């Protein structure tokens, strides 16, 4: 009997010690918790900035999960780029590198369609801006060109034009516009380089294009403007504001993206690091390296 009591209490003591031991073990951080240490807190909004002029609701991860959004699926999981216009060799290189970047960023097959000529724009959708350059109505490109030409296997189709864009008569210009439900968008490279891409402004123009492209496609995948940290999904009212925002998606926006597109985090980070290094985009390279370091 005493031996049975001893055995019983030994078992109880062992269980208590095991519970204590495992409860004291530090829980391993998730990928998103780890890289959150590299998130940069948003500064107070300045007059004229997007957040200063727009009161938006913080999209929590749970809100994102409940929202209606486009998701890649078998047979409909390719990102397409549709150039429209007459492009210089440097502009063509910029579009090719954007294709490469979006393939890495979203971990989805990305293709460039044959360019369409500017003659596709009727006179009724053109105007001359106060600055003197020709502008195209962005909505026409979405509704009358891209939606009708979206490939069957496309999850999204992003048009890229060298013409300046305007969204409606009372607006001066817009960097881009998208129809999120239809999975189509368009962006103009005109203002990213002051109307002309050169060797000296190539990297600046490229960085702006990959930011705007990944931002708009991020919206198509259901991610709202980010209010969590300095992030590629932050809203922007101007080029200086776009330049201030990182090309990096913050930990929360990456969590949203990865819940719809299941990819290997380390593989993606290493590919981003190699892209930034090859293109000498040093500030973005540093961010990718910091994220890689916290995974070691």
C-alpha atoms as a PDB file:
ATOM      1  CA  UNK A   1       0.000   0.000   0.000  1.00  0.00           C
ATOM      2  CA  UNK A   2       2.800   2.372   0.941  1.00  0.00           C
ATOM      3  CA  UNK A   3       4.613   1.424  -2.217  1.00  0.00           C
ATOM      4  CA  UNK A   4       1.452   2.189  -4.235  1.00  0.00           C
ATOM      5  CA  UNK A   5       1.109   5.579  -2.517  1.00  0.00           C
ATOM      6  CA  UNK A   6       4.755   6.319  -3.230  1.00  0.00           C
ATOM      7  CA  UNK A   7       4.317   5.399  -6.892  1.00  0.00           C
ATOM      8  CA  UNK A   8       1.186   7.535  -7.189  1.00  0.00           C
ATOM      9  CA  UNK A   9       2.821  10.622  -5.674  1.00  0.00           C
ATOM     10  CA  UNK A  10       5.897  10.102  -7.855  1.00  0.00           C
ATOM     11  CA  UNK A  11       3.711  10.263 -10.929  1.00  0.00           C
ATOM     12  CA  UNK A  12       1.995  13.410  -9.678  1.00  0.00           C
ATOM     13  CA  UNK A  13       5.328  15.057  -8.879  1.00  0.00           C
ATOM     14  CA  UNK A  14       6.731  14.108 -12.293  1.00  0.00           C
ATOM     15  CA  UNK A  15       3.699  15.610 -14.030  1.00  0.00           C
ATOM     16  CA  UNK A  16       3.983  18.840 -12.062  1.00  0.00           C
ATOM     17  CA  UNK A  17       7.696  19.139 -12.827  1.00  0.00           C
ATOM     18  CA  UNK A  18       7.089  18.490 -16.543  1.00  0.00           C
ATOM     19  CA  UNK A  19       4.359  21.099 -16.672  1.00  0.00           C
ATOM     20  CA  UNK A  20       6.605  23.612 -14.901  1.00  0.00           C
ATOM     21  CA  UNK A  21       9.540  22.835 -17.176  1.00  0.00           C
ATOM     22  CA  UNK A  22       7.643  23.230 -20.434  1.00  0.00           C
ATOM     23  CA  UNK A  23       5.817  26.343 -19.251  1.00  0.00           C
ATOM     24  CA  UNK A  24       9.185  27.932 -18.594  1.00  0.00           C
ATOM     25  CA  UNK A  25      10.416  27.214 -22.084  1.00  0.00           C
ATOM     26  CA  UNK A  26      10.380  30.302 -24.282  1.00  0.00           C
ATOM     27  CA  UNK A  27       7.843  29.968 -27.100  1.00  0.00           C
ATOM     28  CA  UNK A  28       9.471  30.286 -30.488  1.00  0.00           C
ATOM     29  CA  UNK A  29       8.368  33.413 -32.329  1.00  0.00           C
ATOM     30  CA  UNK A  30       6.438  33.133 -35.548  1.00  0.00           C
ATOM     31  CA  UNK A  31       7.966  34.626 -38.691  1.00  0.00           C
ATOM     32  CA  UNK A  32       5.650  37.634 -38.443  1.00  0.00           C
ATOM     33  CA  UNK A  33       6.452  38.215 -34.764  1.00  0.00           C
ATOM     34  CA  UNK A  34      10.166  38.027 -35.560  1.00  0.00           C
ATOM     35  CA  UNK A  35      10.166  40.545 -38.418  1.00  0.00           C
ATOM     36  CA  UNK A  36       7.802  42.858 -36.501  1.00  0.00           C
ATOM     37  CA  UNK A  37      10.904  43.981 -34.586  1.00  0.00           C
ATOM     38  CA  UNK A  38      12.045  45.580 -37.870  1.00  0.00           C
ATOM     39  CA  UNK A  39       8.785  47.457 -38.468  1.00  0.00           C
ATOM     40  CA  UNK A  40       9.253  51.233 -38.382  1.00  0.00           C
ATOM     41  CA  UNK A  41       6.597  53.118 -36.459  1.00  0.00           C
ATOM     42  CA  UNK A  42       4.565  55.628 -38.438  1.00  0.00           C
ATOM     43  CA  UNK A  43       5.316  59.264 -37.716  1.00  0.00           C
ATOM     44  CA  UNK A  44       2.616  61.826 -37.044  1.00  0.00           C
ATOM     45  CA  UNK A  45       0.852  62.740 -40.316  1.00  0.00           C
ATOM     46  CA  UNK A  46       1.987  66.035 -41.810  1.00  0.00           C
ATOM     47  CA  UNK A  47      -0.287  68.566 -43.510  1.00  0.00           C
ATOM     48  CA  UNK A  48      -0.955  67.484 -47.085  1.00  0.00           C
ATOM     49  CA  UNK A  49      -0.070  63.826 -46.485  1.00  0.00           C
ATOM     50  CA  UNK A  50      -2.442  60.965 -47.206  1.00  0.00           C
ATOM     51  CA  UNK A  51      -3.182  60.154 -43.550  1.00  0.00           C
ATOM     52  CA  UNK A  52      -3.662  63.845 -42.736  1.00  0.00           C
ATOM     53  CA  UNK A  53      -6.380  64.150 -45.385  1.00  0.00           C
ATOM     54  CA  UNK A  54      -8.014  60.713 -45.029  1.00  0.00           C
ATOM     55  CA  UNK A  55      -9.564  59.119 -41.963  1.00  0.00           C
ATOM     56  CA  UNK A  56      -9.267  55.394 -42.617  1.00  0.00           C
ATOM     57  CA  UNK A  57     -10.117  52.379 -40.468  1.00  0.00           C
ATOM     58  CA  UNK A  58      -7.270  50.158 -39.292  1.00  0.00           C
ATOM     59  CA  UNK A  59      -7.608  46.813 -41.093  1.00  0.00           C
ATOM     60  CA  UNK A  60      -6.804  44.135 -38.540  1.00  0.00           C
ATOM     61  CA  UNK A  61      -5.861  40.651 -39.746  1.00  0.00           C
ATOM     62  CA  UNK A  62      -9.313  39.403 -38.744  1.00  0.00           C
ATOM     63  CA  UNK A  63     -10.915  42.174 -40.852  1.00  0.00           C
ATOM     64  CA  UNK A  64      -8.789  41.137 -43.810  1.00  0.00           C
ATOM     65  CA  UNK A  65      -9.802  37.491 -43.457  1.00  0.00           C
ATOM     66  CA  UNK A  66     -13.494  38.414 -43.530  1.00  0.00           C
ATOM     67  CA  UNK A  67     -13.200  40.795 -46.502  1.00  0.00           C
ATOM     68  CA  UNK A  68     -14.136  39.949 -50.065  1.00  0.00           C
ATOM     69  CA  UNK A  69     -10.968  39.735 -52.133  1.00  0.00           C
ATOM     70  CA  UNK A  70      -9.243  38.195 -55.108  1.00  0.00           C
ATOM     71  CA  UNK A  71      -7.123  35.116 -54.389  1.00  0.00           C
ATOM     72  CA  UNK A  72      -4.831  33.181 -56.705  1.00  0.00           C
ATOM     73  CA  UNK A  73      -6.148  29.704 -57.480  1.00  0.00           C
ATOM     74  CA  UNK A  74      -5.130  26.877 -59.807  1.00  0.00           C
ATOM     75  CA  UNK A  75      -5.516  27.986 -63.406  1.00  0.00           C
ATOM     76  CA  UNK A  76      -5.882  31.646 -62.386  1.00  0.00           C
ATOM     77  CA  UNK A  77      -2.658  32.545 -60.640  1.00  0.00           C
ATOM     78  CA  UNK A  78      -0.545  34.623 -63.039  1.00  0.00           C
ATOM     79  CA  UNK A  79       0.184  38.346 -62.809  1.00  0.00           C
ATOM     80  CA  UNK A  80       0.253  40.053 -66.212  1.00  0.00           C
ATOM     81  CA  UNK A  81       1.732  43.422 -67.145  1.00  0.00           C
ATOM     82  CA  UNK A  82       0.279  45.231 -70.172  1.00  0.00           C
ATOM     83  CA  UNK A  83       2.543  47.965 -71.579  1.00  0.00           C
ATOM     84  CA  UNK A  84       0.632  50.644 -73.507  1.00  0.00           C
ATOM     85  CA  UNK A  85       2.555  53.218 -75.539  1.00  0.00           C
ATOM     86  CA  UNK A  86       5.923  53.882 -77.104  1.00  0.00           C
ATOM     87  CA  UNK A  87       8.745  53.067 -74.708  1.00  0.00           C
ATOM     88  CA  UNK A  88      12.448  53.879 -74.785  1.00  0.00           C
ATOM     89  CA  UNK A  89      14.990  51.115 -74.187  1.00  0.00           C
ATOM     90  CA  UNK A  90      15.429  52.256 -70.566  1.00  0.00           C
ATOM     91  CA  UNK A  91      11.669  52.226 -70.026  1.00  0.00           C
ATOM     92  CA  UNK A  92      11.482  48.692 -71.452  1.00  0.00           C
ATOM     93  CA  UNK A  93      14.250  47.656 -69.070  1.00  0.00           C
ATOM     94  CA  UNK A  94      12.314  49.236 -66.202  1.00  0.00           C
ATOM     95  CA  UNK A  95       9.203  47.234 -67.066  1.00  0.00           C
ATOM     96  CA  UNK A  96      11.220  44.020 -67.391  1.00  0.00           C
ATOM     97  CA  UNK A  97      12.751  44.559 -63.930  1.00  0.00           C
ATOM     98  CA  UNK A  98       9.314  45.348 -62.514  1.00  0.00           C
ATOM     99  CA  UNK A  99       8.092  42.009 -63.840  1.00  0.00           C
ATOM    100  CA  UNK A 100      11.009  40.299 -62.099  1.00  0.00           C
ATOM    101  CA  UNK A 101      10.351  42.159 -58.847  1.00  0.00           C
ATOM    102  CA  UNK A 102       6.616  41.434 -58.750  1.00  0.00           C
ATOM    103  CA  UNK A 103       7.333  37.746 -59.383  1.00  0.00           C
ATOM    104  CA  UNK A 104       9.584  37.729 -56.319  1.00  0.00           C
ATOM    105  CA  UNK A 105       7.413  39.971 -54.148  1.00  0.00           C
ATOM    106  CA  UNK A 106       4.190  37.993 -54.706  1.00  0.00           C
ATOM    107  CA  UNK A 107       5.864  34.632 -55.425  1.00  0.00           C
ATOM    108  CA  UNK A 108       3.610  34.230 -58.453  1.00  0.00           C
ATOM    109  CA  UNK A 109       4.347  33.739 -62.137  1.00  0.00           C
ATOM    110  CA  UNK A 110       4.518  37.172 -63.786  1.00  0.00           C
ATOM    111  CA  UNK A 111       4.446  37.848 -67.526  1.00  0.00           C
ATOM    112  CA  UNK A 112       4.599  40.847 -69.872  1.00  0.00           C
ATOM    113  CA  UNK A 113       2.082  41.025 -72.711  1.00  0.00           C
ATOM    114  CA  UNK A 114       2.981  42.550 -76.120  1.00  0.00           C
ATOM    115  CA  UNK A 115       2.757  46.365 -75.979  1.00  0.00           C
ATOM    116  CA  UNK A 116      -0.329  48.128 -77.270  1.00  0.00           C
ATOM    117  CA  UNK A 117       0.078  51.361 -79.305  1.00  0.00           C
ATOM    118  CA  UNK A 118      -1.092  54.781 -78.129  1.00  0.00           C
ATOM    119  CA  UNK A 119      -3.522  54.800 -81.074  1.00  0.00           C
ATOM    120  CA  UNK A 120      -5.759  52.637 -78.888  1.00  0.00           C
ATOM    121  CA  UNK A 121      -6.784  55.840 -77.053  1.00  0.00           C
ATOM    122  CA  UNK A 122      -9.636  57.761 -78.753  1.00  0.00           C
ATOM    123  CA  UNK A 123      -9.479  61.551 -78.741  1.00  0.00           C
ATOM    124  CA  UNK A 124     -12.377  61.814 -76.272  1.00  0.00           C
ATOM    125  CA  UNK A 125     -10.235  60.349 -73.446  1.00  0.00           C
ATOM    126  CA  UNK A 126      -7.268  62.682 -74.029  1.00  0.00           C
ATOM    127  CA  UNK A 127      -6.556  66.156 -72.727  1.00  0.00           C
ATOM    128  CA  UNK A 128      -3.652  68.582 -72.441  1.00  0.00           C
ATOM    129  CA  UNK A 129      -2.699  69.338 -68.845  1.00  0.00           C
ATOM    130  CA  UNK A 130      -1.876  72.779 -67.429  1.00  0.00           C
ATOM    131  CA  UNK A 131       1.772  71.715 -67.635  1.00  0.00           C
ATOM    132  CA  UNK A 132       1.460  71.084 -71.381  1.00  0.00           C
ATOM    133  CA  UNK A 133       1.696  67.279 -71.668  1.00  0.00           C
ATOM    134  CA  UNK A 134      -0.958  64.934 -73.012  1.00  0.00           C
ATOM    135  CA  UNK A 135      -2.955  62.997 -70.412  1.00  0.00           C
ATOM    136  CA  UNK A 136      -5.182  59.929 -70.692  1.00  0.00           C
ATOM    137  CA  UNK A 137      -8.342  59.204 -68.687  1.00  0.00           C
ATOM    138  CA  UNK A 138      -7.348  56.344 -66.371  1.00  0.00           C
ATOM    139  CA  UNK A 139     -10.840  54.875 -66.091  1.00  0.00           C
ATOM    140  CA  UNK A 140     -11.028  54.318 -69.843  1.00  0.00           C
ATOM    141  CA  UNK A 141      -7.904  52.166 -69.710  1.00  0.00           C
ATOM    142  CA  UNK A 142      -9.461  50.004 -66.987  1.00  0.00           C
ATOM    143  CA  UNK A 143     -12.951  49.630 -68.423  1.00  0.00           C
ATOM    144  CA  UNK A 144     -12.398  49.684 -72.180  1.00  0.00           C
ATOM    145  CA  UNK A 145      -8.943  48.130 -72.548  1.00  0.00           C
ATOM    146  CA  UNK A 146      -7.756  46.019 -69.606  1.00  0.00           C
ATOM    147  CA  UNK A 147     -10.948  44.303 -68.445  1.00  0.00           C
ATOM    148  CA  UNK A 148     -11.653  43.212 -72.026  1.00  0.00           C
ATOM    149  CA  UNK A 149      -8.089  41.913 -72.533  1.00  0.00           C
ATOM    150  CA  UNK A 150      -7.503  40.177 -69.194  1.00  0.00           C
ATOM    151  CA  UNK A 151      -6.132  36.668 -69.895  1.00  0.00           C
ATOM    152  CA  UNK A 152      -8.144  33.742 -68.562  1.00  0.00           C
ATOM    153  CA  UNK A 153      -5.299  32.559 -66.330  1.00  0.00           C
ATOM    154  CA  UNK A 154      -4.655  36.068 -64.937  1.00  0.00           C
ATOM    155  CA  UNK A 155      -5.276  36.726 -61.262  1.00  0.00           C
ATOM    156  CA  UNK A 156      -4.524  40.414 -61.918  1.00  0.00           C
ATOM    157  CA  UNK A 157      -3.634  42.538 -64.955  1.00  0.00           C
ATOM    158  CA  UNK A 158      -1.611  45.738 -64.471  1.00  0.00           C
ATOM    159  CA  UNK A 159      -1.338  48.221 -67.312  1.00  0.00           C
ATOM    160  CA  UNK A 160       1.782  50.396 -67.570  1.00  0.00           C
ATOM    161  CA  UNK A 161       1.763  53.526 -69.727  1.00  0.00           C
ATOM    162  CA  UNK A 162       4.300  56.256 -70.440  1.00  0.00           C
ATOM    163  CA  UNK A 163       1.457  58.756 -70.772  1.00  0.00           C
ATOM    164  CA  UNK A 164       0.400  60.909 -67.828  1.00  0.00           C
ATOM    165  CA  UNK A 165      -2.977  59.945 -66.330  1.00  0.00           C
ATOM    166  CA  UNK A 166      -5.940  61.846 -64.893  1.00  0.00           C
ATOM    167  CA  UNK A 167      -8.891  60.260 -63.023  1.00  0.00           C
ATOM    168  CA  UNK A 168     -11.512  62.968 -63.645  1.00  0.00           C
ATOM    169  CA  UNK A 169     -11.697  66.534 -64.938  1.00  0.00           C
ATOM    170  CA  UNK A 170     -11.195  68.245 -61.557  1.00  0.00           C
ATOM    171  CA  UNK A 171      -7.972  66.327 -60.756  1.00  0.00           C
ATOM    172  CA  UNK A 172      -4.548  67.335 -62.070  1.00  0.00           C
ATOM    173  CA  UNK A 173      -3.128  63.825 -62.361  1.00  0.00           C
ATOM    174  CA  UNK A 174      -2.949  60.403 -60.724  1.00  0.00           C
ATOM    175  CA  UNK A 175      -0.065  57.896 -60.489  1.00  0.00           C
ATOM    176  CA  UNK A 176      -2.436  55.021 -61.128  1.00  0.00           C
ATOM    177  CA  UNK A 177      -5.912  53.633 -60.676  1.00  0.00           C
ATOM    178  CA  UNK A 178      -7.400  50.176 -60.169  1.00  0.00           C
ATOM    179  CA  UNK A 179     -10.636  48.225 -60.175  1.00  0.00           C
ATOM    180  CA  UNK A 180     -10.041  45.843 -57.298  1.00  0.00           C
ATOM    181  CA  UNK A 181     -13.075  43.660 -57.888  1.00  0.00           C
ATOM    182  CA  UNK A 182     -12.088  43.146 -61.539  1.00  0.00           C
ATOM    183  CA  UNK A 183      -8.418  42.641 -60.727  1.00  0.00           C
ATOM    184  CA  UNK A 184      -7.151  45.253 -63.169  1.00  0.00           C
ATOM    185  CA  UNK A 185      -5.099  48.382 -62.618  1.00  0.00           C
ATOM    186  CA  UNK A 186      -2.981  50.890 -64.493  1.00  0.00           C
ATOM    187  CA  UNK A 187      -0.009  53.002 -63.521  1.00  0.00           C
ATOM    188  CA  UNK A 188       1.862  55.726 -65.367  1.00  0.00           C
ATOM    189  CA  UNK A 189       5.648  55.982 -65.293  1.00  0.00           C
ATOM    190  CA  UNK A 190       5.514  59.560 -66.613  1.00  0.00           C
ATOM    191  CA  UNK A 191       5.954  61.354 -63.280  1.00  0.00           C
ATOM    192  CA  UNK A 192       8.356  58.807 -61.790  1.00  0.00           C
ATOM    193  CA  UNK A 193      11.134  60.279 -63.933  1.00  0.00           C
ATOM    194  CA  UNK A 194       9.928  63.752 -64.845  1.00  0.00           C
ATOM    195  CA  UNK A 195       8.714  62.491 -68.206  1.00  0.00           C
ATOM    196  CA  UNK A 196      12.001  60.918 -69.305  1.00  0.00           C
ATOM    197  CA  UNK A 197      13.933  57.964 -67.873  1.00  0.00           C
ATOM    198  CA  UNK A 198      17.711  58.478 -67.976  1.00  0.00           C
ATOM    199  CA  UNK A 199      20.687  56.582 -66.617  1.00  0.00           C
ATOM    200  CA  UNK A 200      20.913  59.059 -63.745  1.00  0.00           C
ATOM    201  CA  UNK A 201      17.272  58.760 -62.611  1.00  0.00           C
ATOM    202  CA  UNK A 202      16.698  55.120 -63.584  1.00  0.00           C
ATOM    203  CA  UNK A 203      16.921  53.630 -60.090  1.00  0.00           C
ATOM    204  CA  UNK A 204      14.690  56.323 -58.602  1.00  0.00           C
ATOM    205  CA  UNK A 205      12.059  55.724 -61.286  1.00  0.00           C
ATOM    206  CA  UNK A 206      12.324  51.932 -60.958  1.00  0.00           C
ATOM    207  CA  UNK A 207      11.884  52.041 -57.173  1.00  0.00           C
ATOM    208  CA  UNK A 208       8.794  54.209 -57.542  1.00  0.00           C
ATOM    209  CA  UNK A 209       7.313  51.847 -60.124  1.00  0.00           C
ATOM    210  CA  UNK A 210       7.860  48.687 -58.061  1.00  0.00           C
ATOM    211  CA  UNK A 211       6.378  50.404 -55.010  1.00  0.00           C
ATOM    212  CA  UNK A 212       3.257  51.594 -56.826  1.00  0.00           C
ATOM    213  CA  UNK A 213       2.881  48.287 -58.690  1.00  0.00           C
ATOM    214  CA  UNK A 214       3.116  46.112 -55.564  1.00  0.00           C
ATOM    215  CA  UNK A 215       0.883  48.575 -53.672  1.00  0.00           C
ATOM    216  CA  UNK A 216      -1.921  48.445 -56.243  1.00  0.00           C
ATOM    217  CA  UNK A 217      -1.750  44.668 -56.652  1.00  0.00           C
ATOM    218  CA  UNK A 218      -1.722  44.386 -52.847  1.00  0.00           C
ATOM    219  CA  UNK A 219      -5.041  46.249 -52.847  1.00  0.00           C
ATOM    220  CA  UNK A 220      -6.397  43.819 -55.441  1.00  0.00           C
ATOM    221  CA  UNK A 221      -5.543  41.009 -53.030  1.00  0.00           C
ATOM    222  CA  UNK A 222      -7.626  42.718 -50.343  1.00  0.00           C
ATOM    223  CA  UNK A 223      -5.013  44.612 -48.311  1.00  0.00           C
ATOM    224  CA  UNK A 224      -6.211  48.078 -47.256  1.00  0.00           C
ATOM    225  CA  UNK A 225      -3.976  51.095 -46.718  1.00  0.00           C
ATOM    226  CA  UNK A 226      -1.604  50.263 -43.900  1.00  0.00           C
ATOM    227  CA  UNK A 227      -1.857  52.123 -40.594  1.00  0.00           C
ATOM    228  CA  UNK A 228       0.460  49.717 -38.766  1.00  0.00           C
ATOM    229  CA  UNK A 229       3.972  50.876 -39.764  1.00  0.00           C
ATOM    230  CA  UNK A 230       6.017  52.457 -42.554  1.00  0.00           C
ATOM    231  CA  UNK A 231       5.002  50.135 -45.355  1.00  0.00           C
ATOM    232  CA  UNK A 232       4.552  49.862 -49.106  1.00  0.00           C
ATOM    233  CA  UNK A 233       0.797  49.722 -48.428  1.00  0.00           C
ATOM    234  CA  UNK A 234       0.707  53.222 -46.857  1.00  0.00           C
ATOM    235  CA  UNK A 235      -1.459  55.712 -48.738  1.00  0.00           C
ATOM    236  CA  UNK A 236       0.362  58.408 -50.697  1.00  0.00           C
ATOM    237  CA  UNK A 237      -0.551  61.873 -51.972  1.00  0.00           C
ATOM    238  CA  UNK A 238       2.751  62.770 -53.635  1.00  0.00           C
ATOM    239  CA  UNK A 239       6.063  61.452 -54.941  1.00  0.00           C
ATOM    240  CA  UNK A 240       7.958  62.609 -51.813  1.00  0.00           C
ATOM    241  CA  UNK A 241       5.467  60.603 -49.737  1.00  0.00           C
ATOM    242  CA  UNK A 242       5.894  57.573 -52.012  1.00  0.00           C
ATOM    243  CA  UNK A 243       9.670  57.934 -51.714  1.00  0.00           C
ATOM    244  CA  UNK A 244       9.402  58.064 -47.903  1.00  0.00           C
ATOM    245  CA  UNK A 245       7.463  54.787 -47.740  1.00  0.00           C
ATOM    246  CA  UNK A 246       9.435  51.566 -47.846  1.00  0.00           C
ATOM    247  CA  UNK A 247       9.127  48.983 -50.614  1.00  0.00           C
ATOM    248  CA  UNK A 248       8.943  46.478 -47.733  1.00  0.00           C
ATOM    249  CA  UNK A 249       5.519  45.336 -46.555  1.00  0.00           C
ATOM    250  CA  UNK A 250       5.256  45.481 -42.758  1.00  0.00           C
ATOM    251  CA  UNK A 251       4.775  42.325 -40.684  1.00  0.00           C
ATOM    252  CA  UNK A 252       0.980  42.682 -40.604  1.00  0.00           C
ATOM    253  CA  UNK A 253       0.630  43.222 -44.356  1.00  0.00           C
ATOM    254  CA  UNK A 254       2.962  40.288 -45.010  1.00  0.00           C
ATOM    255  CA  UNK A 255       0.771  38.134 -42.779  1.00  0.00           C
ATOM    256  CA  UNK A 256      -2.279  39.135 -44.826  1.00  0.00           C
ATOM    257  CA  UNK A 257      -0.511  38.451 -48.117  1.00  0.00           C
ATOM    258  CA  UNK A 258       0.835  35.081 -47.001  1.00  0.00           C
ATOM    259  CA  UNK A 259      -2.597  33.929 -45.852  1.00  0.00           C
ATOM    260  CA  UNK A 260      -3.768  34.185 -49.473  1.00  0.00           C
ATOM    261  CA  UNK A 261      -0.490  33.236 -51.192  1.00  0.00           C
ATOM    262  CA  UNK A 262       1.320  30.486 -49.291  1.00  0.00           C
ATOM    263  CA  UNK A 263       5.031  30.927 -49.923  1.00  0.00           C
ATOM    264  CA  UNK A 264       8.374  30.212 -48.266  1.00  0.00           C
ATOM    265  CA  UNK A 265       9.344  33.339 -46.294  1.00  0.00           C
ATOM    266  CA  UNK A 266      13.102  32.763 -46.356  1.00  0.00           C
ATOM    267  CA  UNK A 267      13.157  31.953 -50.081  1.00  0.00           C
ATOM    268  CA  UNK A 268      11.235  35.177 -50.781  1.00  0.00           C
ATOM    269  CA  UNK A 269      13.512  37.297 -48.567  1.00  0.00           C
ATOM    270  CA  UNK A 270      16.687  35.931 -50.143  1.00  0.00           C
ATOM    271  CA  UNK A 271      15.321  36.615 -53.631  1.00  0.00           C
ATOM    272  CA  UNK A 272      14.353  40.174 -52.628  1.00  0.00           C
ATOM    273  CA  UNK A 273      17.821  40.688 -51.164  1.00  0.00           C
ATOM    274  CA  UNK A 274      19.465  39.527 -54.399  1.00  0.00           C
ATOM    275  CA  UNK A 275      17.213  41.770 -56.500  1.00  0.00           C
ATOM    276  CA  UNK A 276      17.954  44.876 -54.412  1.00  0.00           C
ATOM    277  CA  UNK A 277      21.689  44.113 -54.399  1.00  0.00           C
ATOM    278  CA  UNK A 278      21.804  43.612 -58.164  1.00  0.00           C
ATOM    279  CA  UNK A 279      19.963  46.898 -58.796  1.00  0.00           C
ATOM    280  CA  UNK A 280      21.955  48.803 -56.131  1.00  0.00           C
ATOM    281  CA  UNK A 281      18.785  49.733 -54.219  1.00  0.00           C
ATOM    282  CA  UNK A 282      20.773  49.912 -51.030  1.00  0.00           C
ATOM    283  CA  UNK A 283      18.182  51.152 -48.538  1.00  0.00           C
ATOM    284  CA  UNK A 284      15.784  48.352 -49.508  1.00  0.00           C
ATOM    285  CA  UNK A 285      18.663  45.867 -49.491  1.00  0.00           C
ATOM    286  CA  UNK A 286      19.378  46.840 -45.881  1.00  0.00           C
ATOM    287  CA  UNK A 287      15.738  46.187 -44.903  1.00  0.00           C
ATOM    288  CA  UNK A 288      15.768  42.735 -46.505  1.00  0.00           C
ATOM    289  CA  UNK A 289      19.026  41.871 -44.733  1.00  0.00           C
ATOM    290  CA  UNK A 290      17.574  42.941 -41.375  1.00  0.00           C
ATOM    291  CA  UNK A 291      14.600  40.621 -41.880  1.00  0.00           C
ATOM    292  CA  UNK A 292      16.885  37.758 -42.863  1.00  0.00           C
ATOM    293  CA  UNK A 293      19.041  38.342 -39.792  1.00  0.00           C
ATOM    294  CA  UNK A 294      16.155  37.929 -37.334  1.00  0.00           C
ATOM    295  CA  UNK A 295      15.437  34.505 -38.859  1.00  0.00           C
ATOM    296  CA  UNK A 296      18.952  33.190 -38.223  1.00  0.00           C
END
